N, C-alpha and C. Protein backbone atom coordinates (compact mmCIF):
# COMPACT_ATOMS: atom_id res chain seq x y z
N LEU A 1 48.80 28.14 44.80
CA LEU A 1 48.11 26.96 44.49
C LEU A 1 49.00 26.06 43.40
N PHE A 2 49.56 26.49 42.45
CA PHE A 2 50.09 26.18 41.36
C PHE A 2 51.83 26.13 41.41
N SER A 3 51.93 27.14 42.35
CA SER A 3 53.42 27.40 42.59
C SER A 3 54.03 26.61 43.71
N PRO A 4 55.32 26.12 43.53
CA PRO A 4 55.95 25.02 44.50
C PRO A 4 56.48 26.15 45.68
N GLY A 5 56.56 27.24 45.74
CA GLY A 5 56.88 28.07 46.74
C GLY A 5 56.66 29.69 46.75
N PRO A 6 57.31 30.57 47.27
CA PRO A 6 56.94 31.89 47.21
C PRO A 6 56.96 32.45 45.71
N PRO A 7 55.91 33.33 45.30
CA PRO A 7 55.97 33.71 44.01
C PRO A 7 57.14 34.59 43.45
N SER A 8 58.06 35.14 44.57
CA SER A 8 59.25 35.87 44.08
C SER A 8 60.32 34.78 44.03
N LEU A 9 60.24 33.48 44.11
CA LEU A 9 61.42 32.55 43.94
C LEU A 9 60.99 31.55 42.74
N PHE A 10 59.60 31.37 42.55
CA PHE A 10 59.14 30.16 41.74
C PHE A 10 57.94 31.19 40.90
N HIS A 11 58.07 30.24 39.81
CA HIS A 11 57.02 30.69 38.63
C HIS A 11 55.86 29.88 38.90
N ALA A 12 54.94 29.97 38.23
CA ALA A 12 53.69 28.87 38.36
C ALA A 12 54.04 27.92 37.17
N GLY A 13 53.44 26.80 37.39
CA GLY A 13 53.57 25.55 36.49
C GLY A 13 52.78 25.40 35.46
N ALA A 14 51.68 26.49 35.42
CA ALA A 14 50.52 26.45 34.31
C ALA A 14 50.00 27.92 34.36
N VAL A 15 49.39 27.74 33.19
CA VAL A 15 48.55 28.88 32.90
C VAL A 15 46.88 28.54 33.05
N ALA A 16 46.17 29.05 33.91
CA ALA A 16 44.90 28.78 34.00
C ALA A 16 43.61 29.64 33.24
N LEU A 17 42.68 28.93 32.70
CA LEU A 17 42.15 29.73 31.84
C LEU A 17 40.35 29.01 32.40
N CYS A 18 39.72 29.76 32.76
CA CYS A 18 38.32 29.42 33.42
C CYS A 18 37.18 30.14 32.09
N PRO A 19 36.79 29.47 31.32
CA PRO A 19 36.13 30.16 30.38
C PRO A 19 34.57 30.19 30.89
N CYS A 20 33.67 31.19 30.64
CA CYS A 20 32.31 31.36 31.11
C CYS A 20 31.41 29.82 30.71
N SER A 21 30.85 29.02 31.44
CA SER A 21 30.09 27.94 30.82
C SER A 21 28.92 28.08 30.05
N SER A 22 28.38 29.40 30.34
CA SER A 22 27.31 29.87 29.58
C SER A 22 27.44 30.10 27.98
N ARG A 23 28.77 30.42 27.75
CA ARG A 23 29.14 30.61 26.16
C ARG A 23 29.98 29.70 25.64
N PRO A 24 29.91 29.07 24.60
CA PRO A 24 30.98 28.17 23.96
C PRO A 24 32.26 28.86 23.86
N GLN A 25 33.37 28.04 24.25
CA GLN A 25 34.54 28.44 23.96
C GLN A 25 34.92 28.39 22.49
N PRO A 26 35.48 29.26 21.48
CA PRO A 26 35.82 28.94 20.31
C PRO A 26 37.12 28.03 20.42
N LEU A 27 37.04 26.86 19.47
CA LEU A 27 38.41 26.13 19.39
C LEU A 27 39.65 27.01 18.92
N GLY A 28 39.70 27.97 18.21
CA GLY A 28 40.99 28.61 17.80
C GLY A 28 41.33 29.45 19.27
N ALA A 29 40.59 29.95 20.20
CA ALA A 29 40.99 30.39 21.47
C ALA A 29 41.60 29.72 22.44
N LEU A 30 41.05 28.13 22.32
CA LEU A 30 41.68 27.15 23.02
C LEU A 30 43.35 26.86 22.61
N LEU A 31 43.21 26.90 21.48
CA LEU A 31 44.47 26.34 20.69
C LEU A 31 45.55 27.47 20.88
N ALA A 32 45.13 28.81 20.81
CA ALA A 32 46.05 29.89 21.15
C ALA A 32 46.48 29.77 22.64
N ALA A 33 45.44 29.50 23.51
CA ALA A 33 45.97 29.55 24.95
C ALA A 33 46.74 28.12 25.32
N ALA A 34 46.71 27.28 24.41
CA ALA A 34 47.68 26.05 24.73
C ALA A 34 48.90 26.30 24.27
N ARG A 35 48.91 27.03 23.06
CA ARG A 35 50.14 27.39 22.37
C ARG A 35 51.00 28.65 23.28
N LEU A 36 50.27 29.63 23.51
CA LEU A 36 50.75 30.56 24.56
C LEU A 36 51.33 29.71 25.79
N GLY A 37 50.75 28.94 26.69
CA GLY A 37 51.37 28.06 27.60
C GLY A 37 52.58 27.25 27.24
N THR A 38 52.59 26.87 26.01
CA THR A 38 53.88 26.08 25.66
C THR A 38 55.07 26.96 25.26
N SER A 39 54.84 28.24 24.73
CA SER A 39 55.71 29.06 24.43
C SER A 39 56.24 29.60 25.90
N VAL A 40 55.66 29.57 26.97
CA VAL A 40 56.39 29.71 28.23
C VAL A 40 56.58 28.50 28.84
N ARG A 41 56.63 27.40 28.49
CA ARG A 41 56.96 26.07 28.98
C ARG A 41 55.84 25.86 30.40
N LYS A 42 54.49 26.04 29.99
CA LYS A 42 53.75 25.59 30.83
C LYS A 42 52.25 25.05 30.35
N SER A 43 51.93 24.15 31.04
CA SER A 43 50.57 23.59 30.57
C SER A 43 49.58 24.55 30.55
N LEU A 44 48.22 24.28 29.92
CA LEU A 44 47.17 25.18 30.09
C LEU A 44 46.31 24.33 30.93
N LEU A 45 45.80 24.91 31.99
CA LEU A 45 44.59 24.34 32.78
C LEU A 45 43.30 24.95 32.44
N LEU A 46 42.16 24.09 31.98
CA LEU A 46 41.08 24.42 31.62
C LEU A 46 40.25 23.96 32.99
N CYS A 47 39.69 25.22 33.30
CA CYS A 47 39.00 25.09 34.69
C CYS A 47 37.37 25.34 34.36
N ALA A 48 36.80 24.70 35.22
CA ALA A 48 35.13 24.95 35.40
C ALA A 48 34.92 24.61 36.88
N ALA A 49 33.96 25.59 37.35
CA ALA A 49 33.36 25.53 38.64
C ALA A 49 32.10 25.93 38.56
N PRO A 50 31.25 24.92 38.35
CA PRO A 50 29.61 25.06 37.96
C PRO A 50 29.12 25.38 39.59
N PRO A 51 28.15 26.48 39.23
CA PRO A 51 27.41 26.54 40.58
C PRO A 51 26.94 25.30 41.15
N GLY A 52 27.40 25.49 42.56
CA GLY A 52 27.11 24.19 43.49
C GLY A 52 27.65 22.85 43.11
N GLY A 53 28.73 22.84 41.99
CA GLY A 53 29.42 21.74 41.74
C GLY A 53 30.91 22.00 42.18
N ALA A 54 31.76 20.68 42.18
CA ALA A 54 33.16 20.65 42.43
C ALA A 54 34.01 21.50 41.23
N LEU A 55 35.08 21.93 41.81
CA LEU A 55 36.03 22.37 40.79
C LEU A 55 36.44 21.41 40.10
N ALA A 56 36.55 21.58 38.34
CA ALA A 56 37.11 20.50 37.69
C ALA A 56 38.27 20.92 36.72
N CYS A 57 39.64 20.37 36.68
CA CYS A 57 40.43 21.14 35.88
C CYS A 57 41.11 20.01 34.96
N THR A 58 41.36 20.52 33.73
CA THR A 58 41.92 19.41 32.46
C THR A 58 43.12 20.22 32.17
N ALA A 59 44.32 19.52 32.20
CA ALA A 59 45.63 20.13 31.85
C ALA A 59 45.92 19.56 30.23
N ILE A 60 46.14 20.69 29.55
CA ILE A 60 46.40 20.48 28.13
C ILE A 60 47.83 20.88 27.70
N THR A 61 48.67 20.29 27.16
CA THR A 61 49.90 20.41 26.73
C THR A 61 50.03 20.43 25.24
N TRP A 62 50.49 21.78 24.67
CA TRP A 62 50.68 21.59 23.01
C TRP A 62 51.90 20.81 22.59
N ARG A 63 51.91 19.98 21.57
CA ARG A 63 53.02 19.13 21.06
C ARG A 63 53.17 19.61 19.52
N ALA A 64 53.99 20.42 19.40
CA ALA A 64 54.36 21.01 18.26
C ALA A 64 54.71 20.04 16.93
N ASP A 65 55.13 18.88 17.43
CA ASP A 65 55.41 17.67 16.57
C ASP A 65 54.11 17.02 15.92
N LEU A 66 52.89 17.57 16.28
CA LEU A 66 51.62 17.16 15.84
C LEU A 66 50.89 17.77 14.58
N THR A 67 51.83 19.05 14.26
CA THR A 67 51.14 19.98 13.35
C THR A 67 51.53 19.52 11.96
């Protein structure tokens, strides 16, 4: 889905995080995941798939110049 070709030849362009919608996601966990994605040169995808609803994804990229 996120790879431009076979996994043996290409790496994914993003790290996907699908937090449980029934529990709040701590801000620190989101920031840590965004920084992890940046350290491997990938965006973080926050995904949600509510029961009976459409899949929703938001891409987050860490900007080190905003620290």
